[in-house]
Amino acid sequence: MGAVNKEIFDQALTLPVDARVRLIEKLLGSLNVPTQKDVDELWAREAERRVLQIEKKEVDLVSGEEVFAEIRKKHRG
């Protein structure tokens, strides 16, 4: 870590917790990655899509017992 980066980091650590949280949020936002809100919305949409598929009988449902039995069989060797 360069001297300037260390100085900025050390200064950031002296900020009150709420200011550090805002700084973290701004830094994460600058990375252009999805926010938790974005992720939650995407999962909600996916869940709704899957429910519709089930209601329209577009997918075959498999019981959890069958899924785990297949996993155990596959990894038994």
PDB file of N, CA and C in Angstrom:
ATOM      1  N   MET A   1       0.859  -1.167   0.000  1.00  0.00           N
ATOM      2  CA  MET A   1       0.000   0.000   0.000  1.00  0.00           C
ATOM      3  C   MET A   1       0.902   1.226   0.000  1.00  0.00           C
ATOM      4  N   GLY A   2       0.672   2.129  -0.948  1.00  0.00           N
ATOM      5  CA  GLY A   2       1.480   3.338  -1.025  1.00  0.00           C
ATOM      6  C   GLY A   2       1.233   4.249   0.162  1.00  0.00           C
ATOM      7  N   ALA A   3       2.144   5.198   0.345  1.00  0.00           N
ATOM      8  CA  ALA A   3       2.050   6.115   1.485  1.00  0.00           C
ATOM      9  C   ALA A   3       0.753   6.921   1.450  1.00  0.00           C
ATOM     10  N   VAL A   4       0.376   7.403   0.261  1.00  0.00           N
ATOM     11  CA  VAL A   4      -0.859   8.195   0.141  1.00  0.00           C
ATOM     12  C   VAL A   4      -2.070   7.319   0.455  1.00  0.00           C
ATOM     13  N   ASN A   5      -2.086   6.099  -0.101  1.00  0.00           N
ATOM     14  CA  ASN A   5      -3.195   5.189   0.165  1.00  0.00           C
ATOM     15  C   ASN A   5      -3.299   4.862   1.653  1.00  0.00           C
ATOM     16  N   LYS A   6      -2.161   4.632   2.300  1.00  0.00           N
ATOM     17  CA  LYS A   6      -2.172   4.322   3.733  1.00  0.00           C
ATOM     18  C   LYS A   6      -2.702   5.512   4.512  1.00  0.00           C
ATOM     19  N   GLU A   7      -2.304   6.706   4.123  1.00  0.00           N
ATOM     20  CA  GLU A   7      -2.779   7.913   4.828  1.00  0.00           C
ATOM     21  C   GLU A   7      -4.298   8.048   4.686  1.00  0.00           C
ATOM     22  N   ILE A   8      -4.810   7.832   3.485  1.00  0.00           N
ATOM     23  CA  ILE A   8      -6.261   7.910   3.257  1.00  0.00           C
ATOM     24  C   ILE A   8      -6.966   6.836   4.080  1.00  0.00           C
ATOM     25  N   PHE A   9      -6.425   5.626   4.065  1.00  0.00           N
ATOM     26  CA  PHE A   9      -7.008   4.517   4.826  1.00  0.00           C
ATOM     27  C   PHE A   9      -7.020   4.840   6.317  1.00  0.00           C
ATOM     28  N   ASP A  10      -5.897   5.302   6.836  1.00  0.00           N
ATOM     29  CA  ASP A  10      -5.807   5.648   8.259  1.00  0.00           C
ATOM     30  C   ASP A  10      -6.801   6.742   8.625  1.00  0.00           C
ATOM     31  N   GLN A  11      -6.958   7.752   7.749  1.00  0.00           N
ATOM     32  CA  GLN A  11      -7.922   8.819   8.011  1.00  0.00           C
ATOM     33  C   GLN A  11      -9.350   8.271   8.006  1.00  0.00           C
ATOM     34  N   ALA A  12      -9.629   7.373   7.077  1.00  0.00           N
ATOM     35  CA  ALA A  12     -10.969   6.795   6.998  1.00  0.00           C
ATOM     36  C   ALA A  12     -11.318   6.043   8.278  1.00  0.00           C
ATOM     37  N   LEU A  13     -10.327   5.382   8.875  1.00  0.00           N
ATOM     38  CA  LEU A  13     -10.571   4.635  10.100  1.00  0.00           C
ATOM     39  C   LEU A  13     -10.895   5.536  11.285  1.00  0.00           C
ATOM     40  N   THR A  14     -10.555   6.811  11.197  1.00  0.00           N
ATOM     41  CA  THR A  14     -10.854   7.730  12.298  1.00  0.00           C
ATOM     42  C   THR A  14     -12.266   8.303  12.208  1.00  0.00           C
ATOM     43  N   LEU A  15     -12.935   8.073  11.087  1.00  0.00           N
ATOM     44  CA  LEU A  15     -14.293   8.603  10.912  1.00  0.00           C
ATOM     45  C   LEU A  15     -15.272   7.879  11.827  1.00  0.00           C
ATOM     46  N   PRO A  16     -16.356   8.554  12.193  1.00  0.00           N
ATOM     47  CA  PRO A  16     -17.410   7.875  12.950  1.00  0.00           C
ATOM     48  C   PRO A  16     -18.003   6.743  12.099  1.00  0.00           C
ATOM     49  N   VAL A  17     -18.603   5.783  12.761  1.00  0.00           N
ATOM     50  CA  VAL A  17     -19.125   4.595  12.076  1.00  0.00           C
ATOM     51  C   VAL A  17     -20.074   4.969  10.941  1.00  0.00           C
ATOM     52  N   ASP A  18     -21.025   5.885  11.178  1.00  0.00           N
ATOM     53  CA  ASP A  18     -21.986   6.223  10.125  1.00  0.00           C
ATOM     54  C   ASP A  18     -21.298   6.845   8.914  1.00  0.00           C
ATOM     55  N   ALA A  19     -20.248   7.627   9.139  1.00  0.00           N
ATOM     56  CA  ALA A  19     -19.510   8.220   8.015  1.00  0.00           C
ATOM     57  C   ALA A  19     -18.737   7.143   7.256  1.00  0.00           C
ATOM     58  N   ARG A  20     -18.189   6.149   7.985  1.00  0.00           N
ATOM     59  CA  ARG A  20     -17.482   5.055   7.311  1.00  0.00           C
ATOM     60  C   ARG A  20     -18.441   4.227   6.472  1.00  0.00           C
ATOM     61  N   VAL A  21     -19.655   4.012   6.994  1.00  0.00           N
ATOM     62  CA  VAL A  21     -20.657   3.262   6.238  1.00  0.00           C
ATOM     63  C   VAL A  21     -20.995   3.994   4.944  1.00  0.00           C
ATOM     64  N   ARG A  22     -21.207   5.314   5.040  1.00  0.00           N
ATOM     65  CA  ARG A  22     -21.508   6.091   3.824  1.00  0.00           C
ATOM     66  C   ARG A  22     -20.340   6.046   2.843  1.00  0.00           C
ATOM     67  N   LEU A  23     -19.118   6.118   3.366  1.00  0.00           N
ATOM     68  CA  LEU A  23     -17.937   6.038   2.508  1.00  0.00           C
ATOM     69  C   LEU A  23     -17.867   4.682   1.813  1.00  0.00           C
ATOM     70  N   ILE A  24     -18.116   3.630   2.563  1.00  0.00           N
ATOM     71  CA  ILE A  24     -18.106   2.274   1.982  1.00  0.00           C
ATOM     72  C   ILE A  24     -19.158   2.165   0.888  1.00  0.00           C
ATOM     73  N   GLU A  25     -20.358   2.678   1.164  1.00  0.00           N
ATOM     74  CA  GLU A  25     -21.427   2.620   0.162  1.00  0.00           C
ATOM     75  C   GLU A  25     -21.036   3.371  -1.101  1.00  0.00           C
ATOM     76  N   LYS A  26     -20.404   4.529  -0.946  1.00  0.00           N
ATOM     77  CA  LYS A  26     -19.974   5.305  -2.117  1.00  0.00           C
ATOM     78  C   LYS A  26     -18.888   4.559  -2.887  1.00  0.00           C
ATOM     79  N   LEU A  27     -17.945   3.977  -2.167  1.00  0.00           N
ATOM     80  CA  LEU A  27     -16.870   3.241  -2.834  1.00  0.00           C
ATOM     81  C   LEU A  27     -17.415   2.014  -3.569  1.00  0.00           C
ATOM     82  N   LEU A  28     -18.300   1.285  -2.914  1.00  0.00           N
ATOM     83  CA  LEU A  28     -18.898   0.122  -3.580  1.00  0.00           C
ATOM     84  C   LEU A  28     -19.709   0.555  -4.794  1.00  0.00           C
ATOM     85  N   GLY A  29     -20.437   1.653  -4.664  1.00  0.00           N
ATOM     86  CA  GLY A  29     -21.208   2.172  -5.798  1.00  0.00           C
ATOM     87  C   GLY A  29     -20.321   2.529  -6.969  1.00  0.00           C
ATOM     88  N   SER A  30     -19.119   2.988  -6.674  1.00  0.00           N
ATOM     89  CA  SER A  30     -18.202   3.371  -7.749  1.00  0.00           C
ATOM     90  C   SER A  30     -17.678   2.163  -8.515  1.00  0.00           C
ATOM     91  N   LEU A  31     -17.823   0.970  -7.948  1.00  0.00           N
ATOM     92  CA  LEU A  31     -17.358  -0.248  -8.618  1.00  0.00           C
ATOM     93  C   LEU A  31     -18.358  -0.752  -9.643  1.00  0.00           C
ATOM     94  N   ASN A  32     -19.532  -0.155  -9.657  1.00  0.00           N
ATOM     95  CA  ASN A  32     -20.572  -0.518 -10.612  1.00  0.00           C
ATOM     96  C   ASN A  32     -20.996  -1.984 -10.482  1.00  0.00           C
ATOM     97  N   VAL A  33     -21.098  -2.449  -9.229  1.00  0.00           N
ATOM     98  CA  VAL A  33     -21.595  -3.795  -8.961  1.00  0.00           C
ATOM     99  C   VAL A  33     -23.018  -3.677  -8.435  1.00  0.00           C
ATOM    100  N   PRO A  34     -23.816  -4.724  -8.566  1.00  0.00           N
ATOM    101  CA  PRO A  34     -25.199  -4.643  -8.101  1.00  0.00           C
ATOM    102  C   PRO A  34     -25.267  -4.413  -6.592  1.00  0.00           C
ATOM    103  N   THR A  35     -26.229  -3.612  -6.169  1.00  0.00           N
ATOM    104  CA  THR A  35     -26.453  -3.386  -4.743  1.00  0.00           C
ATOM    105  C   THR A  35     -27.287  -4.531  -4.189  1.00  0.00           C
ATOM    106  N   GLN A  36     -27.394  -4.618  -2.883  1.00  0.00           N
ATOM    107  CA  GLN A  36     -28.219  -5.656  -2.273  1.00  0.00           C
ATOM    108  C   GLN A  36     -29.661  -5.508  -2.737  1.00  0.00           C
ATOM    109  N   LYS A  37     -30.111  -4.254  -2.871  1.00  0.00           N
ATOM    110  CA  LYS A  37     -31.479  -4.015  -3.349  1.00  0.00           C
ATOM    111  C   LYS A  37     -31.646  -4.590  -4.758  1.00  0.00           C
ATOM    112  N   ASP A  38     -30.660  -4.360  -5.628  1.00  0.00           N
ATOM    113  CA  ASP A  38     -30.708  -4.907  -6.989  1.00  0.00           C
ATOM    114  C   ASP A  38     -30.781  -6.435  -6.961  1.00  0.00           C
ATOM    115  N   VAL A  39     -29.943  -7.037  -6.132  1.00  0.00           N
ATOM    116  CA  VAL A  39     -29.902  -8.498  -6.029  1.00  0.00           C
ATOM    117  C   VAL A  39     -31.237  -9.029  -5.525  1.00  0.00           C
ATOM    118  N   ASP A  40     -31.786  -8.374  -4.491  1.00  0.00           N
ATOM    119  CA  ASP A  40     -33.086  -8.801  -3.946  1.00  0.00           C
ATOM    120  C   ASP A  40     -34.182  -8.718  -5.001  1.00  0.00           C
ATOM    121  N   GLU A  41     -34.180  -7.642  -5.785  1.00  0.00           N
ATOM    122  CA  GLU A  41     -35.185  -7.483  -6.838  1.00  0.00           C
ATOM    123  C   GLU A  41     -35.042  -8.566  -7.903  1.00  0.00           C
ATOM    124  N   LEU A  42     -33.810  -8.877  -8.275  1.00  0.00           N
ATOM    125  CA  LEU A  42     -33.581  -9.931  -9.271  1.00  0.00           C
ATOM    126  C   LEU A  42     -34.057 -11.287  -8.759  1.00  0.00           C
ATOM    127  N   TRP A  43     -33.779 -11.590  -7.480  1.00  0.00           N
ATOM    128  CA  TRP A  43     -34.231 -12.862  -6.917  1.00  0.00           C
ATOM    129  C   TRP A  43     -35.750 -12.916  -6.846  1.00  0.00           C
ATOM    130  N   ALA A  44     -36.385 -11.795  -6.493  1.00  0.00           N
ATOM    131  CA  ALA A  44     -37.851 -11.753  -6.433  1.00  0.00           C
ATOM    132  C   ALA A  44     -38.436 -12.036  -7.811  1.00  0.00           C
ATOM    133  N   ARG A  45     -37.872 -11.410  -8.840  1.00  0.00           N
ATOM    134  CA  ARG A  45     -38.344 -11.653 -10.211  1.00  0.00           C
ATOM    135  C   ARG A  45     -38.160 -13.110 -10.614  1.00  0.00           C
ATOM    136  N   GLU A  46     -37.014 -13.669 -10.245  1.00  0.00           N
ATOM    137  CA  GLU A  46     -36.730 -15.067 -10.581  1.00  0.00           C
ATOM    138  C   GLU A  46     -37.714 -15.999  -9.867  1.00  0.00           C
ATOM    139  N   ALA A  47     -37.993 -15.714  -8.606  1.00  0.00           N
ATOM    140  CA  ALA A  47     -38.947 -16.539  -7.855  1.00  0.00           C
ATOM    141  C   ALA A  47     -40.330 -16.469  -8.495  1.00  0.00           C
ATOM    142  N   GLU A  48     -40.753 -15.269  -8.892  1.00  0.00           N
ATOM    143  CA  GLU A  48     -42.053 -15.111  -9.551  1.00  0.00           C
ATOM    144  C   GLU A  48     -42.091 -15.872 -10.878  1.00  0.00           C
ATOM    145  N   ARG A  49     -40.994 -15.814 -11.633  1.00  0.00           N
ATOM    146  CA  ARG A  49     -40.914 -16.534 -12.907  1.00  0.00           C
ATOM    147  C   ARG A  49     -41.052 -18.032 -12.685  1.00  0.00           C
ATOM    148  N   ARG A  50     -40.391 -18.539 -11.660  1.00  0.00           N
ATOM    149  CA  ARG A  50     -40.443 -19.969 -11.380  1.00  0.00           C
ATOM    150  C   ARG A  50     -41.833 -20.401 -10.908  1.00  0.00           C
ATOM    151  N   VAL A  51     -42.480 -19.570 -10.096  1.00  0.00           N
ATOM    152  CA  VAL A  51     -43.836 -19.887  -9.643  1.00  0.00           C
ATOM    153  C   VAL A  51     -44.767 -19.970 -10.844  1.00  0.00           C
ATOM    154  N   LEU A  52     -44.640 -19.029 -11.766  1.00  0.00           N
ATOM    155  CA  LEU A  52     -45.471 -19.065 -12.972  1.00  0.00           C
ATOM    156  C   LEU A  52     -45.221 -20.333 -13.780  1.00  0.00           C
ATOM    157  N   GLN A  53     -43.971 -20.733 -13.896  1.00  0.00           N
ATOM    158  CA  GLN A  53     -43.650 -21.961 -14.622  1.00  0.00           C
ATOM    159  C   GLN A  53     -44.314 -23.164 -13.970  1.00  0.00           C
ATOM    160  N   ILE A  54     -44.303 -23.192 -12.642  1.00  0.00           N
ATOM    161  CA  ILE A  54     -44.928 -24.306 -11.920  1.00  0.00           C
ATOM    162  C   ILE A  54     -46.435 -24.279 -12.137  1.00  0.00           C
ATOM    163  N   GLU A  55     -47.034 -23.097 -11.996  1.00  0.00           N
ATOM    164  CA  GLU A  55     -48.488 -22.983 -12.169  1.00  0.00           C
ATOM    165  C   GLU A  55     -48.936 -23.369 -13.573  1.00  0.00           C
ATOM    166  N   LYS A  56     -48.112 -23.054 -14.576  1.00  0.00           N
ATOM    167  CA  LYS A  56     -48.450 -23.385 -15.958  1.00  0.00           C
ATOM    168  C   LYS A  56     -48.017 -24.809 -16.332  1.00  0.00           C
ATOM    169  N   LYS A  57     -47.454 -25.509 -15.346  1.00  0.00           N
ATOM    170  CA  LYS A  57     -46.972 -26.884 -15.543  1.00  0.00           C
ATOM    171  C   LYS A  57     -45.946 -26.966 -16.677  1.00  0.00           C
ATOM    172  N   GLU A  58     -45.096 -25.959 -16.741  1.00  0.00           N
ATOM    173  CA  GLU A  58     -44.035 -25.919 -17.755  1.00  0.00           C
ATOM    174  C   GLU A  58     -42.771 -26.649 -17.301  1.00  0.00           C
ATOM    175  N   VAL A  59     -42.739 -27.005 -16.033  1.00  0.00           N
ATOM    176  CA  VAL A  59     -41.559 -27.686 -15.490  1.00  0.00           C
ATOM    177  C   VAL A  59     -42.009 -28.924 -14.727  1.00  0.00           C
ATOM    178  N   ASP A  60     -41.134 -29.895 -14.652  1.00  0.00           N
ATOM    179  CA  ASP A  60     -41.400 -31.095 -13.858  1.00  0.00           C
ATOM    180  C   ASP A  60     -40.774 -30.893 -12.486  1.00  0.00           C
ATOM    181  N   LEU A  61     -41.570 -31.099 -11.457  1.00  0.00           N
ATOM    182  CA  LEU A  61     -41.070 -30.937 -10.098  1.00  0.00           C
ATOM    183  C   LEU A  61     -40.432 -32.234  -9.628  1.00  0.00           C
ATOM    184  N   VAL A  62     -39.370 -32.105  -8.854  1.00  0.00           N
ATOM    185  CA  VAL A  62     -38.656 -33.249  -8.297  1.00  0.00           C
ATOM    186  C   VAL A  62     -38.617 -33.042  -6.792  1.00  0.00           C
ATOM    187  N   SER A  63     -38.948 -34.075  -6.033  1.00  0.00           N
ATOM    188  CA  SER A  63     -38.945 -33.946  -4.579  1.00  0.00           C
ATOM    189  C   SER A  63     -37.516 -33.795  -4.057  1.00  0.00           C
ATOM    190  N   GLY A  64     -37.422 -33.175  -2.909  1.00  0.00           N
ATOM    191  CA  GLY A  64     -36.117 -33.016  -2.271  1.00  0.00           C
ATOM    192  C   GLY A  64     -35.465 -34.357  -1.994  1.00  0.00           C
ATOM    193  N   GLU A  65     -36.269 -35.341  -1.596  1.00  0.00           N
ATOM    194  CA  GLU A  65     -35.735 -36.683  -1.341  1.00  0.00           C
ATOM    195  C   GLU A  65     -35.061 -37.249  -2.583  1.00  0.00           C
ATOM    196  N   GLU A  66     -35.701 -37.064  -3.742  1.00  0.00           N
ATOM    197  CA  GLU A  66     -35.122 -37.567  -4.993  1.00  0.00           C
ATOM    198  C   GLU A  66     -33.815 -36.845  -5.319  1.00  0.00           C
ATOM    199  N   VAL A  67     -33.810 -35.545  -5.128  1.00  0.00           N
ATOM    200  CA  VAL A  67     -32.614 -34.751  -5.420  1.00  0.00           C
ATOM    201  C   VAL A  67     -31.444 -35.217  -4.563  1.00  0.00           C
ATOM    202  N   PHE A  68     -31.682 -35.341  -3.244  1.00  0.00           N
ATOM    203  CA  PHE A  68     -30.591 -35.735  -2.360  1.00  0.00           C
ATOM    204  C   PHE A  68     -30.164 -37.175  -2.585  1.00  0.00           C
ATOM    205  N   ALA A  69     -31.094 -38.047  -2.936  1.00  0.00           N
ATOM    206  CA  ALA A  69     -30.742 -39.432  -3.247  1.00  0.00           C
ATOM    207  C   ALA A  69     -29.826 -39.467  -4.464  1.00  0.00           C
ATOM    208  N   GLU A  70     -30.132 -38.671  -5.461  1.00  0.00           N
ATOM    209  CA  GLU A  70     -29.299 -38.611  -6.680  1.00  0.00           C
ATOM    210  C   GLU A  70     -27.915 -38.053  -6.349  1.00  0.00           C
ATOM    211  N   ILE A  71     -27.852 -37.048  -5.489  1.00  0.00           N
ATOM    212  CA  ILE A  71     -26.554 -36.476  -5.096  1.00  0.00           C
ATOM    213  C   ILE A  71     -25.731 -37.521  -4.361  1.00  0.00           C
ATOM    214  N   ARG A  72     -26.372 -38.220  -3.400  1.00  0.00           N
ATOM    215  CA  ARG A  72     -25.637 -39.249  -2.653  1.00  0.00           C
ATOM    216  C   ARG A  72     -25.145 -40.333  -3.596  1.00  0.00           C
ATOM    217  N   LYS A  73     -25.961 -40.745  -4.529  1.00  0.00           N
ATOM    218  CA  LYS A  73     -25.594 -41.776  -5.499  1.00  0.00           C
ATOM    219  C   LYS A  73     -24.409 -41.307  -6.349  1.00  0.00           C
ATOM    220  N   LYS A  74     -24.456 -40.080  -6.779  1.00  0.00           N
ATOM    221  CA  LYS A  74     -23.412 -39.537  -7.649  1.00  0.00           C
ATOM    222  C   LYS A  74     -22.073 -39.440  -6.922  1.00  0.00           C
ATOM    223  N   HIS A  75     -22.112 -39.094  -5.648  1.00  0.00           N
ATOM    224  CA  HIS A  75     -20.860 -38.855  -4.908  1.00  0.00           C
ATOM    225  C   HIS A  75     -20.392 -40.065  -4.093  1.00  0.00           C
ATOM    226  N   ARG A  76     -21.129 -41.134  -4.195  1.00  0.00           N
ATOM    227  CA  ARG A  76     -20.736 -42.357  -3.493  1.00  0.00           C
ATOM    228  C   ARG A  76     -19.529 -42.997  -4.164  1.00  0.00           C
ATOM    229  N   GLY A  77     -19.415 -42.783  -5.442  1.00  0.00           N
ATOM    230  CA  GLY A  77     -18.245 -43.315  -6.130  1.00  0.00           C
ATOM    231  C   GLY A  77     -18.594 -44.355  -7.050  1.00  0.00           C
TER     232      GLY A  77
END
